[in-house]
Amino acid sequence: NESIARLVTRKVFGMLRTTGRLLIGNFTPSAKDVGYMEVYMGWYLLYRDDRDIRHLARPIPISEMADIEIVRDSTGAVIYLDLRRK
């Protein structure tokens, strides 16, 4: 659920010490193993693209963030939201 994900992101970010870092990973819609994960593992995920993962940080005041960056792994299957606290 998107609203719960935003709430958890805000709460965990709030627990960081000054200059702390929060890294959140998520599979992307372009992950190649989606069929395997769903059919054989019964693992149904919420897939996020750049815009979707950036929205997780929306409840965090800009004044509290030193940096926000979106990074992908080398295959493009996993996306990371990298938040740094001031």
N, C-alpha and C. Protein backbone atom coordinates (compact mmCIF):
# COMPACT_ATOMS: atom_id res chain seq x y z
N ASN A 1 0.83 -1.18 0.00
CA ASN A 1 0.00 0.00 0.00
C ASN A 1 0.88 1.25 0.00
N GLU A 2 0.61 2.14 -0.91
CA GLU A 2 1.44 3.34 -1.09
C GLU A 2 1.47 4.24 0.14
N SER A 3 0.33 4.45 0.77
CA SER A 3 0.31 5.35 1.93
C SER A 3 1.09 4.76 3.11
N ILE A 4 1.04 3.46 3.28
CA ILE A 4 1.82 2.82 4.35
C ILE A 4 3.31 2.89 4.03
N ALA A 5 3.67 2.68 2.77
CA ALA A 5 5.08 2.77 2.38
C ALA A 5 5.63 4.17 2.63
N ARG A 6 4.85 5.19 2.35
CA ARG A 6 5.28 6.57 2.61
C ARG A 6 5.43 6.82 4.10
N LEU A 7 4.49 6.32 4.88
CA LEU A 7 4.53 6.49 6.33
C LEU A 7 5.77 5.81 6.92
N VAL A 8 6.03 4.58 6.50
CA VAL A 8 7.21 3.85 7.00
C VAL A 8 8.49 4.58 6.59
N THR A 9 8.55 5.06 5.35
CA THR A 9 9.73 5.80 4.89
C THR A 9 9.96 7.02 5.77
N ARG A 10 8.90 7.76 6.05
CA ARG A 10 9.01 8.97 6.88
C ARG A 10 9.46 8.62 8.30
N LYS A 11 8.89 7.58 8.88
CA LYS A 11 9.23 7.19 10.25
C LYS A 11 10.68 6.73 10.35
N VAL A 12 11.11 5.88 9.43
CA VAL A 12 12.49 5.37 9.46
C VAL A 12 13.48 6.51 9.21
N PHE A 13 13.17 7.38 8.26
CA PHE A 13 14.04 8.54 8.00
C PHE A 13 14.16 9.39 9.27
N GLY A 14 13.07 9.56 9.99
CA GLY A 14 13.08 10.33 11.22
C GLY A 14 13.95 9.74 12.31
N MET A 15 14.25 8.44 12.22
CA MET A 15 15.10 7.76 13.20
C MET A 15 16.59 7.93 12.92
N LEU A 16 16.90 8.45 11.72
CA LEU A 16 18.31 8.60 11.35
C LEU A 16 18.99 9.68 12.18
N ARG A 17 20.25 9.46 12.45
CA ARG A 17 21.06 10.50 13.08
C ARG A 17 21.43 11.52 12.01
N THR A 18 21.96 12.64 12.45
CA THR A 18 22.45 13.65 11.52
C THR A 18 23.43 13.01 10.56
N THR A 19 23.32 13.33 9.30
CA THR A 19 24.10 12.79 8.17
C THR A 19 23.85 11.30 7.92
N GLY A 20 22.78 10.75 8.54
CA GLY A 20 22.44 9.35 8.32
C GLY A 20 21.93 9.11 6.91
N ARG A 21 21.88 7.85 6.53
CA ARG A 21 21.50 7.47 5.17
C ARG A 21 20.45 6.37 5.22
N LEU A 22 19.42 6.50 4.39
CA LEU A 22 18.37 5.49 4.26
C LEU A 22 18.36 5.02 2.81
N LEU A 23 18.48 3.72 2.62
CA LEU A 23 18.49 3.13 1.29
C LEU A 23 17.32 2.16 1.20
N ILE A 24 16.40 2.42 0.25
CA ILE A 24 15.22 1.58 0.07
C ILE A 24 15.29 0.96 -1.32
N GLY A 25 15.22 -0.35 -1.37
CA GLY A 25 15.25 -1.06 -2.65
C GLY A 25 13.87 -1.55 -3.04
N ASN A 26 13.64 -1.66 -4.34
CA ASN A 26 12.36 -2.13 -4.85
C ASN A 26 12.58 -2.71 -6.25
N PHE A 27 11.88 -3.80 -6.56
CA PHE A 27 11.95 -4.33 -7.92
C PHE A 27 11.21 -3.38 -8.87
N THR A 28 11.68 -3.31 -10.10
CA THR A 28 11.07 -2.47 -11.13
C THR A 28 10.15 -3.31 -12.01
N PRO A 29 9.26 -2.66 -12.74
CA PRO A 29 8.39 -3.40 -13.66
C PRO A 29 9.17 -4.14 -14.75
N SER A 30 10.40 -3.72 -15.01
CA SER A 30 11.19 -4.37 -16.07
C SER A 30 12.03 -5.54 -15.56
N ALA A 31 11.85 -5.94 -14.31
CA ALA A 31 12.59 -7.10 -13.77
C ALA A 31 12.26 -8.33 -14.61
N LYS A 32 13.28 -9.06 -15.03
CA LYS A 32 13.08 -10.21 -15.92
C LYS A 32 12.58 -11.46 -15.21
N ASP A 33 12.73 -11.53 -13.91
CA ASP A 33 12.34 -12.74 -13.17
C ASP A 33 10.96 -12.64 -12.53
N VAL A 34 10.15 -11.71 -12.98
CA VAL A 34 8.83 -11.50 -12.40
C VAL A 34 7.99 -12.78 -12.50
N GLY A 35 7.96 -13.40 -13.65
CA GLY A 35 7.17 -14.61 -13.85
C GLY A 35 7.58 -15.71 -12.89
N TYR A 36 8.87 -15.92 -12.73
CA TYR A 36 9.38 -16.95 -11.82
C TYR A 36 8.98 -16.63 -10.38
N MET A 37 9.17 -15.36 -9.98
CA MET A 37 8.85 -14.99 -8.60
C MET A 37 7.36 -15.20 -8.30
N GLU A 38 6.51 -14.88 -9.26
CA GLU A 38 5.08 -14.99 -9.03
C GLU A 38 4.59 -16.43 -9.15
N VAL A 39 4.99 -17.15 -10.20
CA VAL A 39 4.47 -18.49 -10.44
C VAL A 39 5.06 -19.53 -9.50
N TYR A 40 6.38 -19.55 -9.37
CA TYR A 40 7.02 -20.60 -8.58
C TYR A 40 7.19 -20.25 -7.10
N MET A 41 7.36 -18.98 -6.81
CA MET A 41 7.60 -18.60 -5.43
C MET A 41 6.35 -18.02 -4.75
N GLY A 42 5.31 -17.70 -5.53
CA GLY A 42 4.11 -17.10 -4.97
C GLY A 42 4.39 -15.74 -4.36
N TRP A 43 5.35 -15.05 -4.96
CA TRP A 43 5.83 -13.78 -4.43
C TRP A 43 5.32 -12.66 -5.33
N TYR A 44 4.21 -12.04 -4.93
CA TYR A 44 3.60 -10.97 -5.71
C TYR A 44 4.01 -9.63 -5.10
N LEU A 45 4.76 -8.87 -5.84
CA LEU A 45 5.35 -7.64 -5.35
C LEU A 45 4.67 -6.41 -5.94
N LEU A 46 4.92 -5.28 -5.32
CA LEU A 46 4.54 -4.00 -5.89
C LEU A 46 5.78 -3.47 -6.59
N TYR A 47 5.71 -3.33 -7.88
CA TYR A 47 6.86 -2.87 -8.66
C TYR A 47 6.80 -1.35 -8.78
N ARG A 48 7.96 -0.72 -8.68
CA ARG A 48 8.01 0.75 -8.75
C ARG A 48 9.03 1.19 -9.79
N ASP A 49 8.69 2.28 -10.48
CA ASP A 49 9.64 2.92 -11.39
C ASP A 49 10.22 4.14 -10.67
N ASP A 50 10.98 4.96 -11.39
CA ASP A 50 11.64 6.12 -10.78
C ASP A 50 10.65 7.05 -10.08
N ARG A 51 9.57 7.36 -10.76
CA ARG A 51 8.58 8.28 -10.20
C ARG A 51 7.94 7.69 -8.95
N ASP A 52 7.58 6.42 -9.02
CA ASP A 52 6.91 5.77 -7.90
C ASP A 52 7.80 5.72 -6.65
N ILE A 53 9.06 5.39 -6.83
CA ILE A 53 9.93 5.28 -5.65
C ILE A 53 10.25 6.66 -5.09
N ARG A 54 10.35 7.65 -5.94
CA ARG A 54 10.61 9.02 -5.45
C ARG A 54 9.44 9.50 -4.59
N HIS A 55 8.23 9.08 -4.94
CA HIS A 55 7.05 9.49 -4.18
C HIS A 55 7.07 8.97 -2.74
N LEU A 56 7.85 7.94 -2.45
CA LEU A 56 7.94 7.44 -1.08
C LEU A 56 8.52 8.50 -0.15
N ALA A 57 9.32 9.41 -0.70
CA ALA A 57 9.96 10.45 0.11
C ALA A 57 9.11 11.71 0.24
N ARG A 58 7.95 11.75 -0.36
CA ARG A 58 7.12 12.97 -0.36
C ARG A 58 6.80 13.50 1.03
N PRO A 59 6.53 12.64 2.03
CA PRO A 59 6.19 13.18 3.35
C PRO A 59 7.39 13.78 4.12
N ILE A 60 8.58 13.59 3.62
CA ILE A 60 9.77 14.09 4.31
C ILE A 60 10.01 15.54 3.88
N PRO A 61 10.07 16.46 4.84
CA PRO A 61 10.35 17.85 4.48
C PRO A 61 11.72 18.00 3.81
N ILE A 62 11.76 18.75 2.73
CA ILE A 62 13.01 18.99 2.00
C ILE A 62 14.08 19.55 2.94
N SER A 63 13.66 20.33 3.91
CA SER A 63 14.61 20.95 4.84
C SER A 63 15.36 19.93 5.68
N GLU A 64 14.86 18.69 5.77
CA GLU A 64 15.52 17.64 6.54
C GLU A 64 16.47 16.79 5.70
N MET A 65 16.37 16.92 4.37
CA MET A 65 17.17 16.07 3.48
C MET A 65 18.40 16.80 2.97
N ALA A 66 19.53 16.12 3.05
CA ALA A 66 20.75 16.65 2.47
C ALA A 66 20.83 16.27 0.99
N ASP A 67 20.28 15.08 0.66
CA ASP A 67 20.36 14.60 -0.72
C ASP A 67 19.31 13.52 -0.93
N ILE A 68 18.83 13.43 -2.15
CA ILE A 68 17.93 12.36 -2.57
C ILE A 68 18.41 11.91 -3.95
N GLU A 69 18.57 10.61 -4.10
CA GLU A 69 19.09 10.08 -5.35
C GLU A 69 18.38 8.77 -5.68
N ILE A 70 18.19 8.52 -6.95
CA ILE A 70 17.61 7.27 -7.40
C ILE A 70 18.67 6.54 -8.22
N VAL A 71 18.91 5.29 -7.85
CA VAL A 71 19.97 4.49 -8.48
C VAL A 71 19.37 3.13 -8.85
N ARG A 72 19.85 2.56 -9.95
CA ARG A 72 19.43 1.21 -10.37
C ARG A 72 20.62 0.26 -10.29
N ASP A 73 20.32 -1.01 -10.10
CA ASP A 73 21.39 -1.99 -10.15
C ASP A 73 21.82 -2.18 -11.60
N SER A 74 22.85 -2.95 -11.82
CA SER A 74 23.41 -3.09 -13.18
C SER A 74 22.45 -3.75 -14.16
N THR A 75 21.47 -4.51 -13.68
CA THR A 75 20.53 -5.17 -14.57
C THR A 75 19.27 -4.34 -14.82
N GLY A 76 19.04 -3.32 -13.98
CA GLY A 76 17.85 -2.50 -14.09
C GLY A 76 16.64 -3.13 -13.42
N ALA A 77 16.82 -4.28 -12.77
CA ALA A 77 15.72 -4.98 -12.12
C ALA A 77 15.35 -4.39 -10.76
N VAL A 78 16.34 -3.76 -10.12
CA VAL A 78 16.11 -3.20 -8.79
C VAL A 78 16.45 -1.72 -8.80
N ILE A 79 15.60 -0.93 -8.18
CA ILE A 79 15.79 0.50 -8.08
C ILE A 79 15.96 0.84 -6.60
N TYR A 80 16.79 1.84 -6.32
CA TYR A 80 17.04 2.24 -4.94
C TYR A 80 16.75 3.72 -4.76
N LEU A 81 16.09 4.02 -3.66
CA LEU A 81 15.89 5.39 -3.22
C LEU A 81 16.93 5.63 -2.13
N ASP A 82 17.82 6.56 -2.37
CA ASP A 82 18.93 6.85 -1.45
C ASP A 82 18.68 8.22 -0.84
N LEU A 83 18.34 8.25 0.44
CA LEU A 83 18.05 9.50 1.14
C LEU A 83 19.11 9.76 2.19
N ARG A 84 19.56 11.00 2.27
CA ARG A 84 20.56 11.38 3.27
C ARG A 84 20.00 12.53 4.10
N ARG A 85 20.18 12.39 5.40
CA ARG A 85 19.67 13.38 6.35
C ARG A 85 20.70 14.49 6.57
N LYS A 86 20.19 15.70 6.75
CA LYS A 86 21.08 16.83 7.06
C LYS A 86 21.63 16.69 8.46
